[in-house]
């Protein structure tokens, strides 16, 4: 009787974990499946602390539980990457590429640790080898800044074109006025 009570309690905890992970996966704009096999406890703790400060969700889980959570969240195309030790890093809507930049930054100090297996951006799966390319992409705020700059540049050019000849005419009138005053 005790044994079955423990088993049902474990199943309940696993179900709660899957539900929680599925909820996080549904809200994420990007999902990074990583191989964390060679990471030390100290490196993992430092990484988790850094990611937590930046609002990035990161956790390790059994592949079976990840698979169930992905299915529950209706995310497809990542099952083939669920082999070996797997951790999940989730990117938010504000900057879905932030986890990619953080992993690349982590690799600078810790090469060959925390390799990307598979990635999903807005439910579009891709190979982990795309991590470097994603890390180079600008974030949402950078893109918005570029768009605003592009929108304002035609107006600035127009003002310069209008102001330029007017300034020349004003300068010529001033020079003529000074010439007439001296004469």
Protein backbone atom coordinates (compact mmCIF):
# COMPACT_ATOMS: atom_id res chain seq x y z
CA UNK A 1 0.00 0.00 0.00
CA UNK A 2 2.80 2.41 0.89
CA UNK A 3 4.62 1.60 -2.32
CA UNK A 4 1.65 2.49 -4.51
CA UNK A 5 1.23 5.75 -2.55
CA UNK A 6 4.81 6.72 -3.34
CA UNK A 7 4.40 5.85 -6.99
CA UNK A 8 1.26 7.92 -7.35
CA UNK A 9 2.95 10.83 -5.57
CA UNK A 10 5.89 10.60 -7.99
CA UNK A 11 3.52 10.44 -10.94
CA UNK A 12 1.67 13.48 -9.62
CA UNK A 13 4.94 15.44 -9.29
CA UNK A 14 5.93 14.46 -12.83
CA UNK A 15 2.51 15.49 -14.13
CA UNK A 16 2.82 18.87 -12.38
CA UNK A 17 6.31 19.31 -13.84
CA UNK A 18 5.08 18.51 -17.36
CA UNK A 19 2.14 20.91 -16.97
CA UNK A 20 4.42 23.67 -15.71
CA UNK A 21 6.96 23.12 -18.49
CA UNK A 22 4.22 22.97 -21.15
CA UNK A 23 2.88 26.32 -19.91
CA UNK A 24 6.37 27.87 -20.13
CA UNK A 25 6.94 26.37 -23.59
CA UNK A 26 3.63 27.78 -24.85
CA UNK A 27 4.58 31.28 -23.69
CA UNK A 28 8.14 31.14 -25.07
CA UNK A 29 9.08 32.72 -28.41
CA UNK A 30 12.16 30.51 -28.69
CA UNK A 31 13.18 27.12 -27.32
CA UNK A 32 16.78 25.92 -27.15
CA UNK A 33 17.51 22.25 -26.45
CA UNK A 34 21.05 21.92 -25.14
CA UNK A 35 23.45 19.09 -24.33
CA UNK A 36 24.68 19.86 -20.81
CA UNK A 37 26.58 16.61 -20.24
CA UNK A 38 30.08 18.09 -19.72
CA UNK A 39 29.08 21.02 -17.50
CA UNK A 40 30.37 21.09 -13.91
CA UNK A 41 28.19 22.02 -10.96
CA UNK A 42 30.08 25.30 -10.48
CA UNK A 43 29.68 26.22 -14.18
CA UNK A 44 26.00 25.26 -14.10
CA UNK A 45 25.34 27.34 -10.98
CA UNK A 46 27.12 30.38 -12.48
CA UNK A 47 25.19 29.98 -15.73
CA UNK A 48 21.84 29.65 -13.96
CA UNK A 49 22.51 32.73 -11.84
CA UNK A 50 23.45 34.79 -14.91
CA UNK A 51 20.41 33.59 -16.87
CA UNK A 52 18.05 34.22 -13.95
CA UNK A 53 19.28 37.84 -13.75
CA UNK A 54 18.40 38.27 -17.42
CA UNK A 55 14.98 36.62 -17.11
CA UNK A 56 15.87 33.51 -19.11
CA UNK A 57 14.28 30.24 -18.04
CA UNK A 58 16.74 27.33 -17.96
CA UNK A 59 16.21 23.83 -16.63
CA UNK A 60 17.30 20.26 -17.14
CA UNK A 61 14.78 17.46 -17.46
CA UNK A 62 14.34 13.90 -18.61
CA UNK A 63 13.75 13.61 -22.34
CA UNK A 64 10.48 11.75 -21.80
CA UNK A 65 9.10 14.62 -19.70
CA UNK A 66 10.30 17.22 -22.20
CA UNK A 67 8.67 15.24 -25.02
CA UNK A 68 5.37 15.14 -23.11
CA UNK A 69 5.52 18.88 -22.39
CA UNK A 70 6.31 19.68 -26.04
CA UNK A 71 3.35 17.56 -27.13
CA UNK A 72 1.06 19.20 -24.59
CA UNK A 73 2.20 22.67 -25.80
CA UNK A 74 1.66 21.64 -29.46
CA UNK A 75 5.31 22.24 -30.37
CA UNK A 76 6.56 19.95 -33.09
CA UNK A 77 9.85 19.13 -34.76
CA UNK A 78 12.10 18.86 -31.70
CA UNK A 79 11.58 15.20 -30.73
CA UNK A 80 14.57 14.00 -32.78
CA UNK A 81 16.89 16.17 -30.64
CA UNK A 82 15.80 14.56 -27.38
CA UNK A 83 18.69 12.15 -26.92
CA UNK A 84 21.25 12.17 -24.13
CA UNK A 85 21.39 14.77 -21.37
CA UNK A 86 19.05 17.64 -22.31
CA UNK A 87 18.41 21.03 -20.82
CA UNK A 88 15.98 23.66 -22.04
CA UNK A 89 16.53 27.39 -22.35
CA UNK A 90 13.56 29.60 -23.22
CA UNK A 91 13.59 32.99 -24.90
CA UNK A 92 10.85 35.54 -24.35
CA UNK A 93 8.91 37.62 -26.84
CA UNK A 94 11.01 40.72 -26.12
CA UNK A 95 14.24 39.10 -27.31
CA UNK A 96 13.97 35.50 -28.51
CA UNK A 97 17.66 35.51 -29.53
CA UNK A 98 18.96 36.46 -26.07
CA UNK A 99 19.47 32.81 -25.02
CA UNK A 100 21.52 32.21 -28.19
CA UNK A 101 23.76 35.18 -27.34
CA UNK A 102 24.11 33.93 -23.75
CA UNK A 103 25.12 30.42 -24.88
CA UNK A 104 27.69 31.87 -27.33
CA UNK A 105 29.03 34.11 -24.54
CA UNK A 106 29.22 31.08 -22.22
CA UNK A 107 31.15 29.19 -24.92
CA UNK A 108 33.84 31.88 -24.97
CA UNK A 109 34.83 30.96 -21.40
CA UNK A 110 33.77 27.30 -21.61
CA UNK A 111 34.30 25.86 -25.10
CA UNK A 112 32.75 22.48 -25.91
CA UNK A 113 30.24 22.76 -23.06
CA UNK A 114 26.49 23.29 -23.44
CA UNK A 115 26.11 22.47 -27.13
CA UNK A 116 22.86 23.30 -28.90
CA UNK A 117 20.99 20.24 -30.16
CA UNK A 118 17.88 21.84 -31.61
CA UNK A 119 16.12 25.19 -31.65
CA UNK A 120 12.55 26.29 -32.23
CA UNK A 121 11.63 29.86 -33.13
CA UNK A 122 7.88 30.46 -33.17
CA UNK A 123 7.35 26.71 -33.60
CA UNK A 124 9.78 26.52 -36.55
CA UNK A 125 12.40 23.87 -35.70
CA UNK A 126 16.03 24.14 -36.78
CA UNK A 127 19.33 22.44 -36.08
CA UNK A 128 21.45 23.51 -33.14
CA UNK A 129 24.20 24.51 -35.56
CA UNK A 130 22.14 27.66 -36.29
CA UNK A 131 22.90 28.97 -32.79
CA UNK A 132 25.82 31.17 -33.93
CA UNK A 133 23.70 32.79 -36.66
CA UNK A 134 20.85 33.48 -34.24
CA UNK A 135 23.24 35.02 -31.74
CA UNK A 136 24.31 37.56 -34.37
CA UNK A 137 20.76 38.72 -35.03
CA UNK A 138 19.76 42.01 -33.39
CA UNK A 139 17.25 42.09 -30.57
CA UNK A 140 13.81 43.67 -30.71
CA UNK A 141 14.98 47.04 -29.33
CA UNK A 142 17.88 47.22 -31.78
CA UNK A 143 15.55 46.47 -34.70
CA UNK A 144 13.06 49.11 -33.51
CA UNK A 145 15.91 51.65 -33.27
CA UNK A 146 16.96 50.85 -36.83
CA UNK A 147 13.38 51.21 -38.09
CA UNK A 148 12.94 54.58 -36.35
CA UNK A 149 16.25 55.76 -37.76
CA UNK A 150 15.20 54.74 -41.26
CA UNK A 151 11.84 56.45 -40.84
CA UNK A 152 13.40 59.71 -39.67
CA UNK A 153 16.22 59.90 -42.22
CA UNK A 154 14.04 60.99 -45.22
CA UNK A 155 12.60 63.85 -43.13
CA UNK A 156 16.06 64.94 -42.02
CA UNK A 157 17.26 64.85 -45.62
CA UNK A 158 14.26 66.91 -46.75
CA UNK A 159 14.87 69.53 -44.07
CA UNK A 160 18.53 69.76 -45.08
CA UNK A 161 17.53 70.20 -48.74
CA UNK A 162 15.03 72.92 -47.91
CA UNK A 163 17.29 74.64 -45.40
CA UNK A 164 20.44 74.49 -47.57
CA UNK A 165 19.41 76.87 -50.41
CA UNK A 166 17.61 79.15 -47.95
CA UNK A 167 20.79 79.47 -45.89
CA UNK A 168 22.77 80.29 -49.02
CA UNK A 169 20.29 83.03 -50.02
CA UNK A 170 20.30 84.43 -46.47
CA UNK A 171 24.10 84.48 -46.48
CA UNK A 172 24.18 86.29 -49.84
CA UNK A 173 21.63 88.88 -48.65
CA UNK A 174 23.67 89.49 -45.49
CA UNK A 175 26.85 89.93 -47.55
CA UNK A 176 25.06 92.34 -49.91
CA UNK A 177 23.70 94.28 -46.92
CA UNK A 178 27.19 94.66 -45.43
CA UNK A 179 28.55 95.74 -48.81
CA UNK A 180 25.86 98.39 -49.15
CA UNK A 181 26.47 99.65 -45.59
CA UNK A 182 30.18 100.13 -46.25
CA UNK A 183 29.56 101.85 -49.58
